[in-house]
Amino acid sequence: MCMGATCPDCSRKSWRGCGQHIPSAMSGVPESQWCSCEPKVEFDGKPYPPAARVAIPGASWISGLMGGGGGGGGGGGGGQKKDDL
């Protein structure tokens, strides 16, 4: 089931859920208030905003701590392993 949500990037209206109920999740929200992030999701030939990702306010530092984000590494095996930390 899909439900209305707020995009953590642009703070506009989007949706979250299975993707099969996007029109009902976005009904009642004027298109002028829809999330403008890309890429759009097409449902029954109509473009809709992408699903709103789950974001925990103030927790972006966790991604860097856990090895996420855009930090080097490159996947070539030259980075630190979990046990090395």
PDB file of N, CA and C in Angstrom:
ATOM      1  N   MET A   1       0.849  -1.177   0.000  1.00  0.00           N
ATOM      2  CA  MET A   1       0.000   0.000   0.000  1.00  0.00           C
ATOM      3  C   MET A   1       0.891   1.237   0.000  1.00  0.00           C
ATOM      4  N   CYS A   2       0.503   2.233  -0.745  1.00  0.00           N
ATOM      5  CA  CYS A   2       1.257   3.480  -0.811  1.00  0.00           C
ATOM      6  C   CYS A   2       0.576   4.546   0.035  1.00  0.00           C
ATOM      7  N   MET A   3       1.392   5.482   0.513  1.00  0.00           N
ATOM      8  CA  MET A   3       0.859   6.589   1.309  1.00  0.00           C
ATOM      9  C   MET A   3       1.617   7.853   0.953  1.00  0.00           C
ATOM     10  N   GLY A   4       1.021   8.974   1.256  1.00  0.00           N
ATOM     11  CA  GLY A   4       1.683  10.245   1.027  1.00  0.00           C
ATOM     12  C   GLY A   4       2.889  10.392   1.938  1.00  0.00           C
ATOM     13  N   ALA A   5       3.892  11.113   1.448  1.00  0.00           N
ATOM     14  CA  ALA A   5       5.114  11.340   2.222  1.00  0.00           C
ATOM     15  C   ALA A   5       5.715  12.669   1.788  1.00  0.00           C
ATOM     16  N   THR A   6       6.693  13.131   2.529  1.00  0.00           N
ATOM     17  CA  THR A   6       7.408  14.355   2.187  1.00  0.00           C
ATOM     18  C   THR A   6       8.818  13.985   1.763  1.00  0.00           C
ATOM     19  N   CYS A   7       9.245  14.511   0.629  1.00  0.00           N
ATOM     20  CA  CYS A   7      10.592  14.249   0.123  1.00  0.00           C
ATOM     21  C   CYS A   7      11.607  14.903   1.058  1.00  0.00           C
ATOM     22  N   PRO A   8      12.595  14.153   1.554  1.00  0.00           N
ATOM     23  CA  PRO A   8      13.588  14.742   2.458  1.00  0.00           C
ATOM     24  C   PRO A   8      14.571  15.672   1.746  1.00  0.00           C
ATOM     25  N   ASP A   9      14.614  15.622   0.406  1.00  0.00           N
ATOM     26  CA  ASP A   9      15.538  16.471  -0.343  1.00  0.00           C
ATOM     27  C   ASP A   9      14.948  17.838  -0.675  1.00  0.00           C
ATOM     28  N   CYS A  10      13.700  17.855  -1.177  1.00  0.00           N
ATOM     29  CA  CYS A  10      13.099  19.128  -1.600  1.00  0.00           C
ATOM     30  C   CYS A  10      11.953  19.576  -0.697  1.00  0.00           C
ATOM     31  N   SER A  11      11.558  18.747   0.264  1.00  0.00           N
ATOM     32  CA  SER A  11      10.481  19.035   1.224  1.00  0.00           C
ATOM     33  C   SER A  11       9.116  19.214   0.573  1.00  0.00           C
ATOM     34  N   ARG A  12       8.949  18.647  -0.612  1.00  0.00           N
ATOM     35  CA  ARG A  12       7.649  18.705  -1.281  1.00  0.00           C
ATOM     36  C   ARG A  12       6.982  17.339  -1.172  1.00  0.00           C
ATOM     37  N   LYS A  13       5.758  17.235  -1.670  1.00  0.00           N
ATOM     38  CA  LYS A  13       4.959  16.021  -1.501  1.00  0.00           C
ATOM     39  C   LYS A  13       5.383  14.915  -2.459  1.00  0.00           C
ATOM     40  N   SER A  14       5.475  13.707  -1.921  1.00  0.00           N
ATOM     41  CA  SER A  14       5.805  12.519  -2.688  1.00  0.00           C
ATOM     42  C   SER A  14       5.008  11.357  -2.114  1.00  0.00           C
ATOM     43  N   TRP A  15       5.488  10.164  -2.294  1.00  0.00           N
ATOM     44  CA  TRP A  15       4.794   8.973  -1.819  1.00  0.00           C
ATOM     45  C   TRP A  15       5.820   7.967  -1.318  1.00  0.00           C
ATOM     46  N   ARG A  16       5.333   6.967  -0.601  1.00  0.00           N
ATOM     47  CA  ARG A  16       6.180   5.883  -0.110  1.00  0.00           C
ATOM     48  C   ARG A  16       5.319   4.625  -0.095  1.00  0.00           C
ATOM     49  N   GLY A  17       5.895   3.496  -0.444  1.00  0.00           N
ATOM     50  CA  GLY A  17       5.151   2.243  -0.399  1.00  0.00           C
ATOM     51  C   GLY A  17       5.514   1.302  -1.524  1.00  0.00           C
ATOM     52  N   CYS A  18       4.558   0.467  -1.915  1.00  0.00           N
ATOM     53  CA  CYS A  18       4.804  -0.609  -2.873  1.00  0.00           C
ATOM     54  C   CYS A  18       4.876  -0.135  -4.319  1.00  0.00           C
ATOM     55  N   GLY A  19       4.319   1.019  -4.636  1.00  0.00           N
ATOM     56  CA  GLY A  19       4.346   1.541  -5.998  1.00  0.00           C
ATOM     57  C   GLY A  19       3.117   1.209  -6.821  1.00  0.00           C
ATOM     58  N   GLN A  20       2.194   0.440  -6.279  1.00  0.00           N
ATOM     59  CA  GLN A  20       0.992   0.061  -7.013  1.00  0.00           C
ATOM     60  C   GLN A  20      -0.191   0.988  -6.743  1.00  0.00           C
ATOM     61  N   HIS A  21      -0.051   1.927  -5.807  1.00  0.00           N
ATOM     62  CA  HIS A  21      -1.156   2.810  -5.433  1.00  0.00           C
ATOM     63  C   HIS A  21      -0.733   4.276  -5.473  1.00  0.00           C
ATOM     64  N   ILE A  22       0.216   4.597  -6.349  1.00  0.00           N
ATOM     65  CA  ILE A  22       0.745   5.959  -6.412  1.00  0.00           C
ATOM     66  C   ILE A  22      -0.353   6.989  -6.684  1.00  0.00           C
ATOM     67  N   PRO A  23      -1.259   6.755  -7.661  1.00  0.00           N
ATOM     68  CA  PRO A  23      -2.298   7.765  -7.914  1.00  0.00           C
ATOM     69  C   PRO A  23      -3.152   8.078  -6.686  1.00  0.00           C
ATOM     70  N   SER A  24      -3.517   7.058  -5.909  1.00  0.00           N
ATOM     71  CA  SER A  24      -4.341   7.332  -4.729  1.00  0.00           C
ATOM     72  C   SER A  24      -3.529   8.030  -3.644  1.00  0.00           C
ATOM     73  N   ALA A  25      -2.231   7.718  -3.541  1.00  0.00           N
ATOM     74  CA  ALA A  25      -1.387   8.378  -2.544  1.00  0.00           C
ATOM     75  C   ALA A  25      -1.193   9.855  -2.877  1.00  0.00           C
ATOM     76  N   MET A  26      -1.180  10.187  -4.172  1.00  0.00           N
ATOM     77  CA  MET A  26      -0.948  11.566  -4.595  1.00  0.00           C
ATOM     78  C   MET A  26      -2.244  12.335  -4.860  1.00  0.00           C
ATOM     79  N   SER A  27      -3.382  11.640  -4.780  1.00  0.00           N
ATOM     80  CA  SER A  27      -4.652  12.328  -5.022  1.00  0.00           C
ATOM     81  C   SER A  27      -4.885  13.374  -3.938  1.00  0.00           C
ATOM     82  N   GLY A  28      -5.450  14.471  -4.321  1.00  0.00           N
ATOM     83  CA  GLY A  28      -5.702  15.548  -3.375  1.00  0.00           C
ATOM     84  C   GLY A  28      -4.526  16.486  -3.195  1.00  0.00           C
ATOM     85  N   VAL A  29      -3.389  16.165  -3.801  1.00  0.00           N
ATOM     86  CA  VAL A  29      -2.214  17.033  -3.722  1.00  0.00           C
ATOM     87  C   VAL A  29      -2.048  17.694  -5.087  1.00  0.00           C
ATOM     88  N   PRO A  30      -2.159  19.016  -5.162  1.00  0.00           N
ATOM     89  CA  PRO A  30      -1.976  19.688  -6.454  1.00  0.00           C
ATOM     90  C   PRO A  30      -0.587  19.395  -7.029  1.00  0.00           C
ATOM     91  N   GLU A  31      -0.515  19.191  -8.343  1.00  0.00           N
ATOM     92  CA  GLU A  31       0.765  18.873  -8.979  1.00  0.00           C
ATOM     93  C   GLU A  31       1.817  19.947  -8.726  1.00  0.00           C
ATOM     94  N   SER A  32       1.386  21.169  -8.470  1.00  0.00           N
ATOM     95  CA  SER A  32       2.340  22.251  -8.188  1.00  0.00           C
ATOM     96  C   SER A  32       3.073  22.030  -6.865  1.00  0.00           C
ATOM     97  N   GLN A  33       2.543  21.144  -6.009  1.00  0.00           N
ATOM     98  CA  GLN A  33       3.171  20.851  -4.715  1.00  0.00           C
ATOM     99  C   GLN A  33       3.938  19.527  -4.716  1.00  0.00           C
ATOM    100  N   TRP A  34       3.967  18.841  -5.871  1.00  0.00           N
ATOM    101  CA  TRP A  34       4.651  17.557  -5.966  1.00  0.00           C
ATOM    102  C   TRP A  34       6.163  17.742  -5.941  1.00  0.00           C
ATOM    103  N   CYS A  35       6.850  16.757  -5.429  1.00  0.00           N
ATOM    104  CA  CYS A  35       8.310  16.694  -5.452  1.00  0.00           C
ATOM    105  C   CYS A  35       8.784  16.825  -6.899  1.00  0.00           C
ATOM    106  N   SER A  36       9.839  17.599  -7.100  1.00  0.00           N
ATOM    107  CA  SER A  36      10.357  17.810  -8.456  1.00  0.00           C
ATOM    108  C   SER A  36      11.668  17.058  -8.697  1.00  0.00           C
ATOM    109  N   CYS A  37      12.046  16.177  -7.774  1.00  0.00           N
ATOM    110  CA  CYS A  37      13.286  15.413  -7.922  1.00  0.00           C
ATOM    111  C   CYS A  37      13.167  14.421  -9.085  1.00  0.00           C
ATOM    112  N   GLU A  38      14.289  13.968  -9.571  1.00  0.00           N
ATOM    113  CA  GLU A  38      14.357  13.003 -10.668  1.00  0.00           C
ATOM    114  C   GLU A  38      14.965  11.702 -10.146  1.00  0.00           C
ATOM    115  N   PRO A  39      14.754  10.589 -10.763  1.00  0.00           N
ATOM    116  CA  PRO A  39      13.939  10.365 -11.948  1.00  0.00           C
ATOM    117  C   PRO A  39      12.469  10.180 -11.585  1.00  0.00           C
ATOM    118  N   LYS A  40      11.606  10.579 -12.487  1.00  0.00           N
ATOM    119  CA  LYS A  40      10.169  10.419 -12.292  1.00  0.00           C
ATOM    120  C   LYS A  40       9.797   8.943 -12.412  1.00  0.00           C
ATOM    121  N   VAL A  41       8.653   8.592 -11.843  1.00  0.00           N
ATOM    122  CA  VAL A  41       8.104   7.242 -11.933  1.00  0.00           C
ATOM    123  C   VAL A  41       6.859   7.330 -12.794  1.00  0.00           C
ATOM    124  N   GLU A  42       6.747   6.472 -13.797  1.00  0.00           N
ATOM    125  CA  GLU A  42       5.569   6.496 -14.658  1.00  0.00           C
ATOM    126  C   GLU A  42       4.599   5.407 -14.221  1.00  0.00           C
ATOM    127  N   PHE A  43       3.333   5.792 -14.055  1.00  0.00           N
ATOM    128  CA  PHE A  43       2.281   4.855 -13.665  1.00  0.00           C
ATOM    129  C   PHE A  43       1.083   5.129 -14.549  1.00  0.00           C
ATOM    130  N   ASP A  44       0.627   4.136 -15.303  1.00  0.00           N
ATOM    131  CA  ASP A  44      -0.478   4.284 -16.257  1.00  0.00           C
ATOM    132  C   ASP A  44      -0.245   5.444 -17.213  1.00  0.00           C
ATOM    133  N   GLY A  45       1.003   5.611 -17.658  1.00  0.00           N
ATOM    134  CA  GLY A  45       1.338   6.634 -18.637  1.00  0.00           C
ATOM    135  C   GLY A  45       1.494   8.038 -18.091  1.00  0.00           C
ATOM    136  N   LYS A  46       1.389   8.215 -16.778  1.00  0.00           N
ATOM    137  CA  LYS A  46       1.510   9.543 -16.179  1.00  0.00           C
ATOM    138  C   LYS A  46       2.751   9.594 -15.290  1.00  0.00           C
ATOM    139  N   PRO A  47       3.556  10.668 -15.404  1.00  0.00           N
ATOM    140  CA  PRO A  47       4.746  10.775 -14.545  1.00  0.00           C
ATOM    141  C   PRO A  47       4.391  11.225 -13.128  1.00  0.00           C
ATOM    142  N   TYR A  48       4.990  10.570 -12.161  1.00  0.00           N
ATOM    143  CA  TYR A  48       4.810  10.908 -10.748  1.00  0.00           C
ATOM    144  C   TYR A  48       6.185  11.138 -10.133  1.00  0.00           C
ATOM    145  N   PRO A  49       6.233  11.790  -8.977  1.00  0.00           N
ATOM    146  CA  PRO A  49       7.523  11.972  -8.305  1.00  0.00           C
ATOM    147  C   PRO A  49       8.121  10.627  -7.901  1.00  0.00           C
ATOM    148  N   PRO A  50       9.434  10.589  -7.699  1.00  0.00           N
ATOM    149  CA  PRO A  50      10.038   9.353  -7.198  1.00  0.00           C
ATOM    150  C   PRO A  50       9.584   9.087  -5.763  1.00  0.00           C
ATOM    151  N   ALA A  51       9.690   7.855  -5.334  1.00  0.00           N
ATOM    152  CA  ALA A  51       9.335   7.511  -3.953  1.00  0.00           C
ATOM    153  C   ALA A  51      10.227   8.281  -2.991  1.00  0.00           C
ATOM    154  N   ALA A  52       9.630   8.777  -1.924  1.00  0.00           N
ATOM    155  CA  ALA A  52      10.396   9.496  -0.905  1.00  0.00           C
ATOM    156  C   ALA A  52      11.213   8.485  -0.117  1.00  0.00           C
ATOM    157  N   ARG A  53      12.501   8.711  -0.048  1.00  0.00           N
ATOM    158  CA  ARG A  53      13.350   7.815   0.733  1.00  0.00           C
ATOM    159  C   ARG A  53      13.187   8.146   2.210  1.00  0.00           C
ATOM    160  N   VAL A  54      13.493   7.190   3.037  1.00  0.00           N
ATOM    161  CA  VAL A  54      13.406   7.386   4.480  1.00  0.00           C
ATOM    162  C   VAL A  54      14.678   8.088   4.934  1.00  0.00           C
ATOM    163  N   ALA A  55      14.522   9.193   5.619  1.00  0.00           N
ATOM    164  CA  ALA A  55      15.668   9.936   6.134  1.00  0.00           C
ATOM    165  C   ALA A  55      15.456  10.191   7.618  1.00  0.00           C
ATOM    166  N   ILE A  56      16.493   9.980   8.389  1.00  0.00           N
ATOM    167  CA  ILE A  56      16.431  10.242   9.821  1.00  0.00           C
ATOM    168  C   ILE A  56      17.113  11.581  10.062  1.00  0.00           C
ATOM    169  N   PRO A  57      16.361  12.597  10.489  1.00  0.00           N
ATOM    170  CA  PRO A  57      16.954  13.922  10.685  1.00  0.00           C
ATOM    171  C   PRO A  57      18.157  13.879  11.623  1.00  0.00           C
ATOM    172  N   GLY A  58      19.232  14.513  11.197  1.00  0.00           N
ATOM    173  CA  GLY A  58      20.426  14.605  12.017  1.00  0.00           C
ATOM    174  C   GLY A  58      21.300  13.369  12.023  1.00  0.00           C
ATOM    175  N   ALA A  59      20.946  12.354  11.233  1.00  0.00           N
ATOM    176  CA  ALA A  59      21.708  11.112  11.273  1.00  0.00           C
ATOM    177  C   ALA A  59      22.602  10.918  10.053  1.00  0.00           C
ATOM    178  N   SER A  60      22.836  11.957   9.260  1.00  0.00           N
ATOM    179  CA  SER A  60      23.647  11.797   8.055  1.00  0.00           C
ATOM    180  C   SER A  60      25.084  11.402   8.371  1.00  0.00           C
ATOM    181  N   TRP A  61      25.565  11.718   9.561  1.00  0.00           N
ATOM    182  CA  TRP A  61      26.930  11.357   9.943  1.00  0.00           C
ATOM    183  C   TRP A  61      27.112   9.849  10.058  1.00  0.00           C
ATOM    184  N   ILE A  62      26.012   9.119  10.272  1.00  0.00           N
ATOM    185  CA  ILE A  62      26.097   7.667  10.408  1.00  0.00           C
ATOM    186  C   ILE A  62      26.560   7.038   9.096  1.00  0.00           C
ATOM    187  N   SER A  63      26.099   7.571   7.966  1.00  0.00           N
ATOM    188  CA  SER A  63      26.490   7.039   6.672  1.00  0.00           C
ATOM    189  C   SER A  63      28.001   7.086   6.493  1.00  0.00           C
ATOM    190  N   GLY A  64      28.617   8.202   6.845  1.00  0.00           N
ATOM    191  CA  GLY A  64      30.066   8.317   6.741  1.00  0.00           C
ATOM    192  C   GLY A  64      30.782   7.385   7.696  1.00  0.00           C
ATOM    193  N   LEU A  65      30.234   7.229   8.872  1.00  0.00           N
ATOM    194  CA  LEU A  65      30.830   6.357   9.874  1.00  0.00           C
ATOM    195  C   LEU A  65      30.795   4.898   9.434  1.00  0.00           C
ATOM    196  N   MET A  66      29.721   4.521   8.748  1.00  0.00           N
ATOM    197  CA  MET A  66      29.544   3.140   8.323  1.00  0.00           C
ATOM    198  C   MET A  66      30.160   2.858   6.956  1.00  0.00           C
ATOM    199  N   GLY A  67      30.863   3.834   6.392  1.00  0.00           N
ATOM    200  CA  GLY A  67      31.520   3.617   5.108  1.00  0.00           C
ATOM    201  C   GLY A  67      30.686   4.014   3.917  1.00  0.00           C
ATOM    202  N   GLY A  68      29.554   4.646   4.134  1.00  0.00           N
ATOM    203  CA  GLY A  68      28.720   5.083   3.026  1.00  0.00           C
ATOM    204  C   GLY A  68      29.170   6.422   2.511  1.00  0.00           C
ATOM    205  N   GLY A  69      28.380   6.990   1.637  1.00  0.00           N
ATOM    206  CA  GLY A  69      28.720   8.290   1.087  1.00  0.00           C
ATOM    207  C   GLY A  69      29.697   8.185  -0.058  1.00  0.00           C
ATOM    208  N   GLY A  70      30.289   9.302  -0.430  1.00  0.00           N
ATOM    209  CA  GLY A  70      31.149   9.334  -1.601  1.00  0.00           C
ATOM    210  C   GLY A  70      32.617   9.216  -1.288  1.00  0.00           C
ATOM    211  N   GLY A  71      32.983   8.576  -0.218  1.00  0.00           N
ATOM    212  CA  GLY A  71      34.387   8.507   0.144  1.00  0.00           C
ATOM    213  C   GLY A  71      35.173   7.496  -0.658  1.00  0.00           C
ATOM    214  N   GLY A  72      36.039   7.893  -1.539  1.00  0.00           N
ATOM    215  CA  GLY A  72      37.027   7.094  -2.265  1.00  0.00           C
ATOM    216  C   GLY A  72      36.733   5.622  -2.394  1.00  0.00           C
ATOM    217  N   GLY A  73      37.604   4.789  -1.917  1.00  0.00           N
ATOM    218  CA  GLY A  73      37.389   3.344  -1.962  1.00  0.00           C
ATOM    219  C   GLY A  73      37.439   2.779  -3.362  1.00  0.00           C
ATOM    220  N   GLY A  74      36.516   3.153  -4.223  1.00  0.00           N
ATOM    221  CA  GLY A  74      36.496   2.757  -5.611  1.00  0.00           C
ATOM    222  C   GLY A  74      36.206   1.294  -5.861  1.00  0.00           C
ATOM    223  N   GLY A  75      36.002   0.511  -4.827  1.00  0.00           N
ATOM    224  CA  GLY A  75      35.665  -0.888  -5.024  1.00  0.00           C
ATOM    225  C   GLY A  75      36.833  -1.745  -5.473  1.00  0.00           C
ATOM    226  N   GLY A  76      38.058  -1.221  -5.469  1.00  0.00           N
ATOM    227  CA  GLY A  76      39.205  -1.974  -5.929  1.00  0.00           C
ATOM    228  C   GLY A  76      39.851  -2.821  -4.859  1.00  0.00           C
ATOM    229  N   GLY A  77      39.256  -2.921  -3.701  1.00  0.00           N
ATOM    230  CA  GLY A  77      39.799  -3.748  -2.644  1.00  0.00           C
ATOM    231  C   GLY A  77      40.896  -3.071  -1.853  1.00  0.00           C
ATOM    232  N   GLY A  78      41.174  -1.788  -2.120  1.00  0.00           N
ATOM    233  CA  GLY A  78      42.249  -1.107  -1.432  1.00  0.00           C
ATOM    234  C   GLY A  78      41.825  -0.418  -0.160  1.00  0.00           C
ATOM    235  N   GLY A  79      40.537  -0.412   0.146  1.00  0.00           N
ATOM    236  CA  GLY A  79      40.045   0.276   1.332  1.00  0.00           C
ATOM    237  C   GLY A  79      40.139  -0.591   2.566  1.00  0.00           C
ATOM    238  N   GLN A  80      39.765  -0.020   3.687  1.00  0.00           N
ATOM    239  CA  GLN A  80      39.784  -0.773   4.934  1.00  0.00           C
ATOM    240  C   GLN A  80      38.637  -1.763   4.968  1.00  0.00           C
ATOM    241  N   LYS A  81      38.884  -2.865   5.585  1.00  0.00           N
ATOM    242  CA  LYS A  81      37.840  -3.859   5.785  1.00  0.00           C
ATOM    243  C   LYS A  81      37.183  -3.608   7.129  1.00  0.00           C
ATOM    244  N   LYS A  82      36.000  -4.149   7.294  1.00  0.00           N
ATOM    245  CA  LYS A  82      35.241  -3.958   8.523  1.00  0.00           C
ATOM    246  C   LYS A  82      36.063  -4.349   9.755  1.00  0.00           C
ATOM    247  N   ASP A  83      36.780  -5.466   9.692  1.00  0.00           N
ATOM    248  CA  ASP A  83      37.555  -5.936  10.840  1.00  0.00           C
ATOM    249  C   ASP A  83      38.773  -5.062  11.132  1.00  0.00           C
ATOM    250  N   ASP A  84      39.208  -4.265  10.145  1.00  0.00           N
ATOM    251  CA  ASP A  84      40.365  -3.391  10.329  1.00  0.00           C
ATOM    252  C   ASP A  84      40.013  -2.129  11.095  1.00  0.00           C
ATOM    253  N   LEU A  85      38.731  -1.815  11.184  1.00  0.00           N
ATOM    254  CA  LEU A  85      38.309  -0.572  11.826  1.00  0.00           C
ATOM    255  C   LEU A  85      38.308  -0.686  13.280  1.00  0.00           C
TER     256      LEU A  85
END
